[in-house]
Amino acid sequence: VCSVNGQRVYIPLSDIPPLVAQAVLAAED
């Protein structure tokens, strides 16, 4: 969305392990 480097891979939320998203939520918000 924000980057200009075409080498980056975008991972849909559905493909991100739930615990990874939960850890970020616990840490940030």
mmCIF file of all heavy atoms, coordinates in Angstrom:
data_MODEL
# 
_entry.id   MODEL 
# 
loop_
_atom_site.group_PDB 
_atom_site.id 
_atom_site.type_symbol 
_atom_site.label_atom_id 
_atom_site.label_alt_id 
_atom_site.label_comp_id 
_atom_site.label_asym_id 
_atom_site.label_entity_id 
_atom_site.label_seq_id 
_atom_site.pdbx_PDB_ins_code 
_atom_site.Cartn_x 
_atom_site.Cartn_y 
_atom_site.Cartn_z 
_atom_site.occupancy 
_atom_site.B_iso_or_equiv 
_atom_site.pdbx_formal_charge 
_atom_site.auth_seq_id 
_atom_site.auth_comp_id 
_atom_site.auth_asym_id 
_atom_site.auth_atom_id 
_atom_site.pdbx_PDB_model_num 
ATOM 1   N N   . VAL A 1 1  ? 0.821  -1.211  0.000  1.00 0.00 ? 1  VAL A N   1 
ATOM 2   C CA  . VAL A 1 1  ? 0.000  0.000   0.000  1.00 0.00 ? 1  VAL A CA  1 
ATOM 3   C C   . VAL A 1 1  ? 0.855  1.261   0.000  1.00 0.00 ? 1  VAL A C   1 
ATOM 4   O O   . VAL A 1 1  ? 0.617  2.191   -0.768 1.00 0.00 ? 1  VAL A O   1 
ATOM 5   C CB  . VAL A 1 1  ? -0.937 0.003   1.229  1.00 0.00 ? 1  VAL A CB  1 
ATOM 6   C CG1 . VAL A 1 1  ? -1.716 1.294   1.321  1.00 0.00 ? 1  VAL A CG1 1 
ATOM 7   C CG2 . VAL A 1 1  ? -1.883 -1.188  1.151  1.00 0.00 ? 1  VAL A CG2 1 
ATOM 8   N N   . CYS A 1 2  ? 1.850  1.299   0.868  1.00 0.00 ? 2  CYS A N   1 
ATOM 9   C CA  . CYS A 1 2  ? 2.626  2.524   1.061  1.00 0.00 ? 2  CYS A CA  1 
ATOM 10  C C   . CYS A 1 2  ? 4.015  2.447   0.443  1.00 0.00 ? 2  CYS A C   1 
ATOM 11  O O   . CYS A 1 2  ? 4.625  3.462   0.161  1.00 0.00 ? 2  CYS A O   1 
ATOM 12  C CB  . CYS A 1 2  ? 2.771  2.829   2.548  1.00 0.00 ? 2  CYS A CB  1 
ATOM 13  S SG  . CYS A 1 2  ? 1.230  2.736   3.456  1.00 0.00 ? 2  CYS A SG  1 
ATOM 14  N N   . SER A 1 3  ? 4.541  1.249   0.282  1.00 0.00 ? 3  SER A N   1 
ATOM 15  C CA  . SER A 1 3  ? 5.911  1.093   -0.185 1.00 0.00 ? 3  SER A CA  1 
ATOM 16  C C   . SER A 1 3  ? 5.993  1.257   -1.694 1.00 0.00 ? 3  SER A C   1 
ATOM 17  O O   . SER A 1 3  ? 5.010  1.141   -2.408 1.00 0.00 ? 3  SER A O   1 
ATOM 18  C CB  . SER A 1 3  ? 6.442  -0.280  0.219  1.00 0.00 ? 3  SER A CB  1 
ATOM 19  O OG  . SER A 1 3  ? 5.627  -1.288  -0.317 1.00 0.00 ? 3  SER A OG  1 
ATOM 20  N N   . VAL A 1 4  ? 7.195  1.523   -2.154 1.00 0.00 ? 4  VAL A N   1 
ATOM 21  C CA  . VAL A 1 4  ? 7.421  1.689   -3.587 1.00 0.00 ? 4  VAL A CA  1 
ATOM 22  C C   . VAL A 1 4  ? 8.306  0.575   -4.129 1.00 0.00 ? 4  VAL A C   1 
ATOM 23  O O   . VAL A 1 4  ? 8.613  0.539   -5.308 1.00 0.00 ? 4  VAL A O   1 
ATOM 24  C CB  . VAL A 1 4  ? 8.076  3.055   -3.884 1.00 0.00 ? 4  VAL A CB  1 
ATOM 25  C CG1 . VAL A 1 4  ? 7.148  4.177   -3.509 1.00 0.00 ? 4  VAL A CG1 1 
ATOM 26  C CG2 . VAL A 1 4  ? 9.405  3.203   -3.144 1.00 0.00 ? 4  VAL A CG2 1 
ATOM 27  N N   . ASN A 1 5  ? 8.720  -0.324  -3.275 1.00 0.00 ? 5  ASN A N   1 
ATOM 28  C CA  . ASN A 1 5  ? 9.612  -1.398  -3.692 1.00 0.00 ? 5  ASN A CA  1 
ATOM 29  C C   . ASN A 1 5  ? 8.794  -2.604  -4.125 1.00 0.00 ? 5  ASN A C   1 
ATOM 30  O O   . ASN A 1 5  ? 8.086  -3.209  -3.330 1.00 0.00 ? 5  ASN A O   1 
ATOM 31  C CB  . ASN A 1 5  ? 10.554 -1.786  -2.538 1.00 0.00 ? 5  ASN A CB  1 
ATOM 32  C CG  . ASN A 1 5  ? 11.681 -2.676  -3.009 1.00 0.00 ? 5  ASN A CG  1 
ATOM 33  O OD1 . ASN A 1 5  ? 11.451 -3.679  -3.669 1.00 0.00 ? 5  ASN A OD1 1 
ATOM 34  N ND2 . ASN A 1 5  ? 12.906 -2.299  -2.676 1.00 0.00 ? 5  ASN A ND2 1 
ATOM 35  N N   . GLY A 1 6  ? 8.877  -2.963  -5.402 1.00 0.00 ? 6  GLY A N   1 
ATOM 36  C CA  . GLY A 1 6  ? 8.071  -4.039  -5.928 1.00 0.00 ? 6  GLY A CA  1 
ATOM 37  C C   . GLY A 1 6  ? 8.442  -5.411  -5.418 1.00 0.00 ? 6  GLY A C   1 
ATOM 38  O O   . GLY A 1 6  ? 7.731  -6.370  -5.670 1.00 0.00 ? 6  GLY A O   1 
ATOM 39  N N   . GLN A 1 7  ? 9.570  -5.521  -4.697 1.00 0.00 ? 7  GLN A N   1 
ATOM 40  C CA  . GLN A 1 7  ? 9.997  -6.824  -4.208 1.00 0.00 ? 7  GLN A CA  1 
ATOM 41  C C   . GLN A 1 7  ? 9.246  -7.248  -2.943 1.00 0.00 ? 7  GLN A C   1 
ATOM 42  O O   . GLN A 1 7  ? 9.315  -8.401  -2.546 1.00 0.00 ? 7  GLN A O   1 
ATOM 43  C CB  . GLN A 1 7  ? 11.507 -6.806  -3.916 1.00 0.00 ? 7  GLN A CB  1 
ATOM 44  C CG  . GLN A 1 7  ? 12.355 -6.606  -5.155 1.00 0.00 ? 7  GLN A CG  1 
ATOM 45  C CD  . GLN A 1 7  ? 13.841 -6.553  -4.819 1.00 0.00 ? 7  GLN A CD  1 
ATOM 46  O OE1 . GLN A 1 7  ? 14.216 -6.622  -3.651 1.00 0.00 ? 7  GLN A OE1 1 
ATOM 47  N NE2 . GLN A 1 7  ? 14.679 -6.442  -5.825 1.00 0.00 ? 7  GLN A NE2 1 
ATOM 48  N N   . ARG A 1 8  ? 8.565  -6.322  -2.312 1.00 0.00 ? 8  ARG A N   1 
ATOM 49  C CA  . ARG A 1 8  ? 7.857  -6.677  -1.087 1.00 0.00 ? 8  ARG A CA  1 
ATOM 50  C C   . ARG A 1 8  ? 6.646  -7.554  -1.390 1.00 0.00 ? 8  ARG A C   1 
ATOM 51  O O   . ARG A 1 8  ? 6.000  -7.417  -2.413 1.00 0.00 ? 8  ARG A O   1 
ATOM 52  C CB  . ARG A 1 8  ? 7.408  -5.411  -0.361 1.00 0.00 ? 8  ARG A CB  1 
ATOM 53  C CG  . ARG A 1 8  ? 8.573  -4.549  0.097  1.00 0.00 ? 8  ARG A CG  1 
ATOM 54  C CD  . ARG A 1 8  ? 8.058  -3.497  1.045  1.00 0.00 ? 8  ARG A CD  1 
ATOM 55  N NE  . ARG A 1 8  ? 9.023  -2.401  1.152  1.00 0.00 ? 8  ARG A NE  1 
ATOM 56  C CZ  . ARG A 1 8  ? 8.773  -1.267  1.747  1.00 0.00 ? 8  ARG A CZ  1 
ATOM 57  N NH1 . ARG A 1 8  ? 7.600  -1.070  2.291  1.00 0.00 ? 8  ARG A NH1 1 
ATOM 58  N NH2 . ARG A 1 8  ? 9.685  -0.319  1.825  1.00 0.00 ? 8  ARG A NH2 1 
ATOM 59  N N   . VAL A 1 9  ? 6.352  -8.441  -0.448 1.00 0.00 ? 9  VAL A N   1 
ATOM 60  C CA  . VAL A 1 9  ? 5.212  -9.344  -0.581 1.00 0.00 ? 9  VAL A CA  1 
ATOM 61  C C   . VAL A 1 9  ? 4.114  -8.893  0.371  1.00 0.00 ? 9  VAL A C   1 
ATOM 62  O O   . VAL A 1 9  ? 4.376  -8.603  1.544  1.00 0.00 ? 9  VAL A O   1 
ATOM 63  C CB  . VAL A 1 9  ? 5.621  -10.797 -0.269 1.00 0.00 ? 9  VAL A CB  1 
ATOM 64  C CG1 . VAL A 1 9  ? 4.412  -11.717 -0.335 1.00 0.00 ? 9  VAL A CG1 1 
ATOM 65  C CG2 . VAL A 1 9  ? 6.696  -11.262 -1.253 1.00 0.00 ? 9  VAL A CG2 1 
ATOM 66  N N   . TYR A 1 10 ? 2.898  -8.804  -0.127 1.00 0.00 ? 10 TYR A N   1 
ATOM 67  C CA  . TYR A 1 10 ? 1.764  -8.406  0.704  1.00 0.00 ? 10 TYR A CA  1 
ATOM 68  C C   . TYR A 1 10 ? 1.015  -9.662  1.141  1.00 0.00 ? 10 TYR A C   1 
ATOM 69  O O   . TYR A 1 10 ? 0.611  -10.475 0.316  1.00 0.00 ? 10 TYR A O   1 
ATOM 70  C CB  . TYR A 1 10 ? 0.840  -7.474  -0.080 1.00 0.00 ? 10 TYR A CB  1 
ATOM 71  C CG  . TYR A 1 10 ? -0.172 -6.758  0.775  1.00 0.00 ? 10 TYR A CG  1 
ATOM 72  C CD1 . TYR A 1 10 ? 0.141  -5.537  1.361  1.00 0.00 ? 10 TYR A CD1 1 
ATOM 73  C CD2 . TYR A 1 10 ? -1.430 -7.293  1.009  1.00 0.00 ? 10 TYR A CD2 1 
ATOM 74  C CE1 . TYR A 1 10 ? -0.775 -4.869  2.152  1.00 0.00 ? 10 TYR A CE1 1 
ATOM 75  C CE2 . TYR A 1 10 ? -2.345 -6.631  1.795  1.00 0.00 ? 10 TYR A CE2 1 
ATOM 76  C CZ  . TYR A 1 10 ? -2.021 -5.424  2.366  1.00 0.00 ? 10 TYR A CZ  1 
ATOM 77  O OH  . TYR A 1 10 ? -2.932 -4.765  3.151  1.00 0.00 ? 10 TYR A OH  1 
ATOM 78  N N   . ILE A 1 11 ? 0.852  -9.819  2.457  1.00 0.00 ? 11 ILE A N   1 
ATOM 79  C CA  . ILE A 1 11 ? 0.211  -11.011 3.004  1.00 0.00 ? 11 ILE A CA  1 
ATOM 80  C C   . ILE A 1 11 ? -1.184 -10.650 3.517  1.00 0.00 ? 11 ILE A C   1 
ATOM 81  O O   . ILE A 1 11 ? -1.308 -9.846  4.440  1.00 0.00 ? 11 ILE A O   1 
ATOM 82  C CB  . ILE A 1 11 ? 1.039  -11.612 4.162  1.00 0.00 ? 11 ILE A CB  1 
ATOM 83  C CG1 . ILE A 1 11 ? 2.495  -11.818 3.728  1.00 0.00 ? 11 ILE A CG1 1 
ATOM 84  C CG2 . ILE A 1 11 ? 0.422  -12.922 4.626  1.00 0.00 ? 11 ILE A CG2 1 
ATOM 85  C CD1 . ILE A 1 11 ? 3.397  -12.284 4.867  1.00 0.00 ? 11 ILE A CD1 1 
ATOM 86  N N   . PRO A 1 12 ? -2.237 -11.222 2.941  1.00 0.00 ? 12 PRO A N   1 
ATOM 87  C CA  . PRO A 1 12 ? -3.587 -10.949 3.451  1.00 0.00 ? 12 PRO A CA  1 
ATOM 88  C C   . PRO A 1 12 ? -3.703 -11.334 4.926  1.00 0.00 ? 12 PRO A C   1 
ATOM 89  O O   . PRO A 1 12 ? -3.032 -12.269 5.389  1.00 0.00 ? 12 PRO A O   1 
ATOM 90  C CB  . PRO A 1 12 ? -4.483 -11.830 2.575  1.00 0.00 ? 12 PRO A CB  1 
ATOM 91  C CG  . PRO A 1 12 ? -3.671 -12.127 1.359  1.00 0.00 ? 12 PRO A CG  1 
ATOM 92  C CD  . PRO A 1 12 ? -2.241 -12.156 1.808  1.00 0.00 ? 12 PRO A CD  1 
ATOM 93  N N   . LEU A 1 13 ? -4.564 -10.638 5.635  1.00 0.00 ? 13 LEU A N   1 
ATOM 94  C CA  . LEU A 1 13 ? -4.739 -10.907 7.058  1.00 0.00 ? 13 LEU A CA  1 
ATOM 95  C C   . LEU A 1 13 ? -5.148 -12.357 7.302  1.00 0.00 ? 13 LEU A C   1 
ATOM 96  O O   . LEU A 1 13 ? -4.736 -12.979 8.286  1.00 0.00 ? 13 LEU A O   1 
ATOM 97  C CB  . LEU A 1 13 ? -5.790 -9.958  7.642  1.00 0.00 ? 13 LEU A CB  1 
ATOM 98  C CG  . LEU A 1 13 ? -6.021 -10.028 9.147  1.00 0.00 ? 13 LEU A CG  1 
ATOM 99  C CD1 . LEU A 1 13 ? -4.757 -9.664  9.917  1.00 0.00 ? 13 LEU A CD1 1 
ATOM 100 C CD2 . LEU A 1 13 ? -7.158 -9.091  9.556  1.00 0.00 ? 13 LEU A CD2 1 
ATOM 101 N N   . SER A 1 14 ? -5.924 -12.919 6.384  1.00 0.00 ? 14 SER A N   1 
ATOM 102 C CA  . SER A 1 14 ? -6.379 -14.302 6.536  1.00 0.00 ? 14 SER A CA  1 
ATOM 103 C C   . SER A 1 14 ? -5.230 -15.308 6.462  1.00 0.00 ? 14 SER A C   1 
ATOM 104 O O   . SER A 1 14 ? -5.369 -16.443 6.940  1.00 0.00 ? 14 SER A O   1 
ATOM 105 C CB  . SER A 1 14 ? -7.416 -14.639 5.457  1.00 0.00 ? 14 SER A CB  1 
ATOM 106 O OG  . SER A 1 14 ? -6.864 -14.432 4.155  1.00 0.00 ? 14 SER A OG  1 
ATOM 107 N N   . ASP A 1 15 ? -4.102 -14.897 5.871  1.00 0.00 ? 15 ASP A N   1 
ATOM 108 C CA  . ASP A 1 15 ? -2.939 -15.786 5.759  1.00 0.00 ? 15 ASP A CA  1 
ATOM 109 C C   . ASP A 1 15 ? -1.893 -15.540 6.848  1.00 0.00 ? 15 ASP A C   1 
ATOM 110 O O   . ASP A 1 15 ? -0.884 -16.251 6.898  1.00 0.00 ? 15 ASP A O   1 
ATOM 111 C CB  . ASP A 1 15 ? -2.280 -15.619 4.385  1.00 0.00 ? 15 ASP A CB  1 
ATOM 112 C CG  . ASP A 1 15 ? -3.155 -16.123 3.255  1.00 0.00 ? 15 ASP A CG  1 
ATOM 113 O OD1 . ASP A 1 15 ? -4.070 -16.927 3.530  1.00 0.00 ? 15 ASP A OD1 1 
ATOM 114 O OD2 . ASP A 1 15 ? -2.947 -15.711 2.096  1.00 0.00 ? 15 ASP A OD2 1 
ATOM 115 N N   . ILE A 1 16 ? -2.114 -14.540 7.670  1.00 0.00 ? 16 ILE A N   1 
ATOM 116 C CA  . ILE A 1 16 ? -1.199 -14.261 8.784  1.00 0.00 ? 16 ILE A CA  1 
ATOM 117 C C   . ILE A 1 16 ? -1.664 -15.076 9.990  1.00 0.00 ? 16 ILE A C   1 
ATOM 118 O O   . ILE A 1 16 ? -2.845 -15.022 10.362 1.00 0.00 ? 16 ILE A O   1 
ATOM 119 C CB  . ILE A 1 16 ? -1.183 -12.760 9.122  1.00 0.00 ? 16 ILE A CB  1 
ATOM 120 C CG1 . ILE A 1 16 ? -0.603 -11.960 7.949  1.00 0.00 ? 16 ILE A CG1 1 
ATOM 121 C CG2 . ILE A 1 16 ? -0.375 -12.487 10.392 1.00 0.00 ? 16 ILE A CG2 1 
ATOM 122 C CD1 . ILE A 1 16 ? -0.668 -10.451 8.135  1.00 0.00 ? 16 ILE A CD1 1 
ATOM 123 N N   . PRO A 1 17 ? -0.785 -15.871 10.604 1.00 0.00 ? 17 PRO A N   1 
ATOM 124 C CA  . PRO A 1 17 ? -1.204 -16.662 11.771 1.00 0.00 ? 17 PRO A CA  1 
ATOM 125 C C   . PRO A 1 17 ? -1.892 -15.783 12.820 1.00 0.00 ? 17 PRO A C   1 
ATOM 126 O O   . PRO A 1 17 ? -1.375 -14.702 13.155 1.00 0.00 ? 17 PRO A O   1 
ATOM 127 C CB  . PRO A 1 17 ? 0.123  -17.223 12.298 1.00 0.00 ? 17 PRO A CB  1 
ATOM 128 C CG  . PRO A 1 17 ? 1.006  -17.278 11.093 1.00 0.00 ? 17 PRO A CG  1 
ATOM 129 C CD  . PRO A 1 17 ? 0.635  -16.084 10.266 1.00 0.00 ? 17 PRO A CD  1 
ATOM 130 N N   . PRO A 1 18 ? -3.051 -16.203 13.311 1.00 0.00 ? 18 PRO A N   1 
ATOM 131 C CA  . PRO A 1 18 ? -3.798 -15.371 14.269 1.00 0.00 ? 18 PRO A CA  1 
ATOM 132 C C   . PRO A 1 18 ? -2.958 -14.903 15.451 1.00 0.00 ? 18 PRO A C   1 
ATOM 133 O O   . PRO A 1 18 ? -3.121 -13.764 15.910 1.00 0.00 ? 18 PRO A O   1 
ATOM 134 C CB  . PRO A 1 18 ? -4.936 -16.285 14.715 1.00 0.00 ? 18 PRO A CB  1 
ATOM 135 C CG  . PRO A 1 18 ? -5.140 -17.213 13.569 1.00 0.00 ? 18 PRO A CG  1 
ATOM 136 C CD  . PRO A 1 18 ? -3.780 -17.444 12.989 1.00 0.00 ? 18 PRO A CD  1 
ATOM 137 N N   . LEU A 1 19 ? -2.064 -15.746 15.954 1.00 0.00 ? 19 LEU A N   1 
ATOM 138 C CA  . LEU A 1 19 ? -1.288 -15.365 17.130 1.00 0.00 ? 19 LEU A CA  1 
ATOM 139 C C   . LEU A 1 19 ? -0.336 -14.210 16.822 1.00 0.00 ? 19 LEU A C   1 
ATOM 140 O O   . LEU A 1 19 ? -0.039 -13.406 17.713 1.00 0.00 ? 19 LEU A O   1 
ATOM 141 C CB  . LEU A 1 19 ? -0.498 -16.562 17.666 1.00 0.00 ? 19 LEU A CB  1 
ATOM 142 C CG  . LEU A 1 19 ? 0.111  -16.379 19.059 1.00 0.00 ? 19 LEU A CG  1 
ATOM 143 C CD1 . LEU A 1 19 ? -0.974 -16.070 20.090 1.00 0.00 ? 19 LEU A CD1 1 
ATOM 144 C CD2 . LEU A 1 19 ? 0.899  -17.617 19.478 1.00 0.00 ? 19 LEU A CD2 1 
ATOM 145 N N   . VAL A 1 20 ? 0.123  -14.098 15.583 1.00 0.00 ? 20 VAL A N   1 
ATOM 146 C CA  . VAL A 1 20 ? 0.983  -12.967 15.197 1.00 0.00 ? 20 VAL A CA  1 
ATOM 147 C C   . VAL A 1 20 ? 0.186  -11.670 15.292 1.00 0.00 ? 20 VAL A C   1 
ATOM 148 O O   . VAL A 1 20 ? 0.644  -10.676 15.884 1.00 0.00 ? 20 VAL A O   1 
ATOM 149 C CB  . VAL A 1 20 ? 1.537  -13.162 13.773 1.00 0.00 ? 20 VAL A CB  1 
ATOM 150 C CG1 . VAL A 1 20 ? 2.292  -11.913 13.316 1.00 0.00 ? 20 VAL A CG1 1 
ATOM 151 C CG2 . VAL A 1 20 ? 2.446  -14.384 13.709 1.00 0.00 ? 20 VAL A CG2 1 
ATOM 152 N N   . ALA A 1 21 ? -1.006 -11.659 14.711 1.00 0.00 ? 21 ALA A N   1 
ATOM 153 C CA  . ALA A 1 21 ? -1.855 -10.467 14.784 1.00 0.00 ? 21 ALA A CA  1 
ATOM 154 C C   . ALA A 1 21 ? -2.233 -10.160 16.230 1.00 0.00 ? 21 ALA A C   1 
ATOM 155 O O   . ALA A 1 21 ? -2.241 -8.992  16.657 1.00 0.00 ? 21 ALA A O   1 
ATOM 156 C CB  . ALA A 1 21 ? -3.114 -10.668 13.942 1.00 0.00 ? 21 ALA A CB  1 
ATOM 157 N N   . GLN A 1 22 ? -2.526 -11.186 17.007 1.00 0.00 ? 22 GLN A N   1 
ATOM 158 C CA  . GLN A 1 22 ? -2.894 -10.983 18.411 1.00 0.00 ? 22 GLN A CA  1 
ATOM 159 C C   . GLN A 1 22 ? -1.733 -10.414 19.216 1.00 0.00 ? 22 GLN A C   1 
ATOM 160 O O   . GLN A 1 22 ? -1.934 -9.557  20.090 1.00 0.00 ? 22 GLN A O   1 
ATOM 161 C CB  . GLN A 1 22 ? -3.365 -12.308 19.012 1.00 0.00 ? 22 GLN A CB  1 
ATOM 162 C CG  . GLN A 1 22 ? -4.696 -12.794 18.457 1.00 0.00 ? 22 GLN A CG  1 
ATOM 163 C CD  . GLN A 1 22 ? -4.989 -14.242 18.808 1.00 0.00 ? 22 GLN A CD  1 
ATOM 164 O OE1 . GLN A 1 22 ? -4.119 -14.973 19.285 1.00 0.00 ? 22 GLN A OE1 1 
ATOM 165 N NE2 . GLN A 1 22 ? -6.220 -14.677 18.568 1.00 0.00 ? 22 GLN A NE2 1 
ATOM 166 N N   . ALA A 1 23 ? -0.528 -10.864 18.932 1.00 0.00 ? 23 ALA A N   1 
ATOM 167 C CA  . ALA A 1 23 ? 0.646  -10.340 19.648 1.00 0.00 ? 23 ALA A CA  1 
ATOM 168 C C   . ALA A 1 23 ? 0.850  -8.866  19.338 1.00 0.00 ? 23 ALA A C   1 
ATOM 169 O O   . ALA A 1 23 ? 1.152  -8.067  20.236 1.00 0.00 ? 23 ALA A O   1 
ATOM 170 C CB  . ALA A 1 23 ? 1.891  -11.139 19.260 1.00 0.00 ? 23 ALA A CB  1 
ATOM 171 N N   . VAL A 1 24 ? 0.676  -8.486  18.081 1.00 0.00 ? 24 VAL A N   1 
ATOM 172 C CA  . VAL A 1 24 ? 0.818  -7.078  17.699 1.00 0.00 ? 24 VAL A CA  1 
ATOM 173 C C   . VAL A 1 24 ? -0.270 -6.245  18.368 1.00 0.00 ? 24 VAL A C   1 
ATOM 174 O O   . VAL A 1 24 ? -0.006 -5.144  18.874 1.00 0.00 ? 24 VAL A O   1 
ATOM 175 C CB  . VAL A 1 24 ? 0.773  -6.931  16.168 1.00 0.00 ? 24 VAL A CB  1 
ATOM 176 C CG1 . VAL A 1 24 ? 0.646  -5.461  15.769 1.00 0.00 ? 24 VAL A CG1 1 
ATOM 177 C CG2 . VAL A 1 24 ? 2.016  -7.545  15.533 1.00 0.00 ? 24 VAL A CG2 1 
ATOM 178 N N   . LEU A 1 25 ? -1.488 -6.739  18.403 1.00 0.00 ? 25 LEU A N   1 
ATOM 179 C CA  . LEU A 1 25 ? -2.572 -6.030  19.091 1.00 0.00 ? 25 LEU A CA  1 
ATOM 180 C C   . LEU A 1 25 ? -2.254 -5.865  20.574 1.00 0.00 ? 25 LEU A C   1 
ATOM 181 O O   . LEU A 1 25 ? -2.447 -4.789  21.146 1.00 0.00 ? 25 LEU A O   1 
ATOM 182 C CB  . LEU A 1 25 ? -3.890 -6.773  18.913 1.00 0.00 ? 25 LEU A CB  1 
ATOM 183 C CG  . LEU A 1 25 ? -4.530 -6.726  17.527 1.00 0.00 ? 25 LEU A CG  1 
ATOM 184 C CD1 . LEU A 1 25 ? -5.716 -7.678  17.454 1.00 0.00 ? 25 LEU A CD1 1 
ATOM 185 C CD2 . LEU A 1 25 ? -4.953 -5.313  17.173 1.00 0.00 ? 25 LEU A CD2 1 
ATOM 186 N N   . ALA A 1 26 ? -1.767 -6.933  21.200 1.00 0.00 ? 26 ALA A N   1 
ATOM 187 C CA  . ALA A 1 26 ? -1.433 -6.870  22.631 1.00 0.00 ? 26 ALA A CA  1 
ATOM 188 C C   . ALA A 1 26 ? -0.342 -5.850  22.885 1.00 0.00 ? 26 ALA A C   1 
ATOM 189 O O   . ALA A 1 26 ? -0.362 -5.143  23.903 1.00 0.00 ? 26 ALA A O   1 
ATOM 190 C CB  . ALA A 1 26 ? -1.001 -8.248  23.123 1.00 0.00 ? 26 ALA A CB  1 
ATOM 191 N N   . ALA A 1 27 ? 0.614  -5.754  21.965 1.00 0.00 ? 27 ALA A N   1 
ATOM 192 C CA  . ALA A 1 27 ? 1.748  -4.845  22.155 1.00 0.00 ? 27 ALA A CA  1 
ATOM 193 C C   . ALA A 1 27 ? 1.400  -3.399  21.841 1.00 0.00 ? 27 ALA A C   1 
ATOM 194 O O   . ALA A 1 27 ? 1.874  -2.475  22.512 1.00 0.00 ? 27 ALA A O   1 
ATOM 195 C CB  . ALA A 1 27 ? 2.918  -5.294  21.280 1.00 0.00 ? 27 ALA A CB  1 
ATOM 196 N N   . GLU A 1 28 ? 0.575  -3.191  20.819 1.00 0.00 ? 28 GLU A N   1 
ATOM 197 C CA  . GLU A 1 28 ? 0.354  -1.837  20.312 1.00 0.00 ? 28 GLU A CA  1 
ATOM 198 C C   . GLU A 1 28 ? -0.992 -1.231  20.687 1.00 0.00 ? 28 GLU A C   1 
ATOM 199 O O   . GLU A 1 28 ? -1.090 -0.033  20.920 1.00 0.00 ? 28 GLU A O   1 
ATOM 200 C CB  . GLU A 1 28 ? 0.487  -1.833  18.776 1.00 0.00 ? 28 GLU A CB  1 
ATOM 201 C CG  . GLU A 1 28 ? 1.880  -2.135  18.269 1.00 0.00 ? 28 GLU A CG  1 
ATOM 202 C CD  . GLU A 1 28 ? 2.869  -1.022  18.581 1.00 0.00 ? 28 GLU A CD  1 
ATOM 203 O OE1 . GLU A 1 28 ? 2.452  0.148   18.691 1.00 0.00 ? 28 GLU A OE1 1 
ATOM 204 O OE2 . GLU A 1 28 ? 4.060  -1.328  18.727 1.00 0.00 ? 28 GLU A OE2 1 
ATOM 205 N N   . ASP A 1 29 ? -2.042 -2.047  20.697 1.00 0.00 ? 29 ASP A N   1 
ATOM 206 C CA  . ASP A 1 29 ? -3.382 -1.479  20.846 1.00 0.00 ? 29 ASP A CA  1 
ATOM 207 C C   . ASP A 1 29 ? -4.345 -2.552  21.344 1.00 0.00 ? 29 ASP A C   1 
ATOM 208 O O   . ASP A 1 29 ? -5.168 -3.060  20.587 1.00 0.00 ? 29 ASP A O   1 
ATOM 209 C CB  . ASP A 1 29 ? -3.840 -0.952  19.479 1.00 0.00 ? 29 ASP A CB  1 
ATOM 210 C CG  . ASP A 1 29 ? -4.817 0.195   19.589 1.00 0.00 ? 29 ASP A CG  1 
ATOM 211 O OD1 . ASP A 1 29 ? -5.385 0.364   20.685 1.00 0.00 ? 29 ASP A OD1 1 
ATOM 212 O OD2 . ASP A 1 29 ? -5.010 0.918   18.606 1.00 0.00 ? 29 ASP A OD2 1 
# 
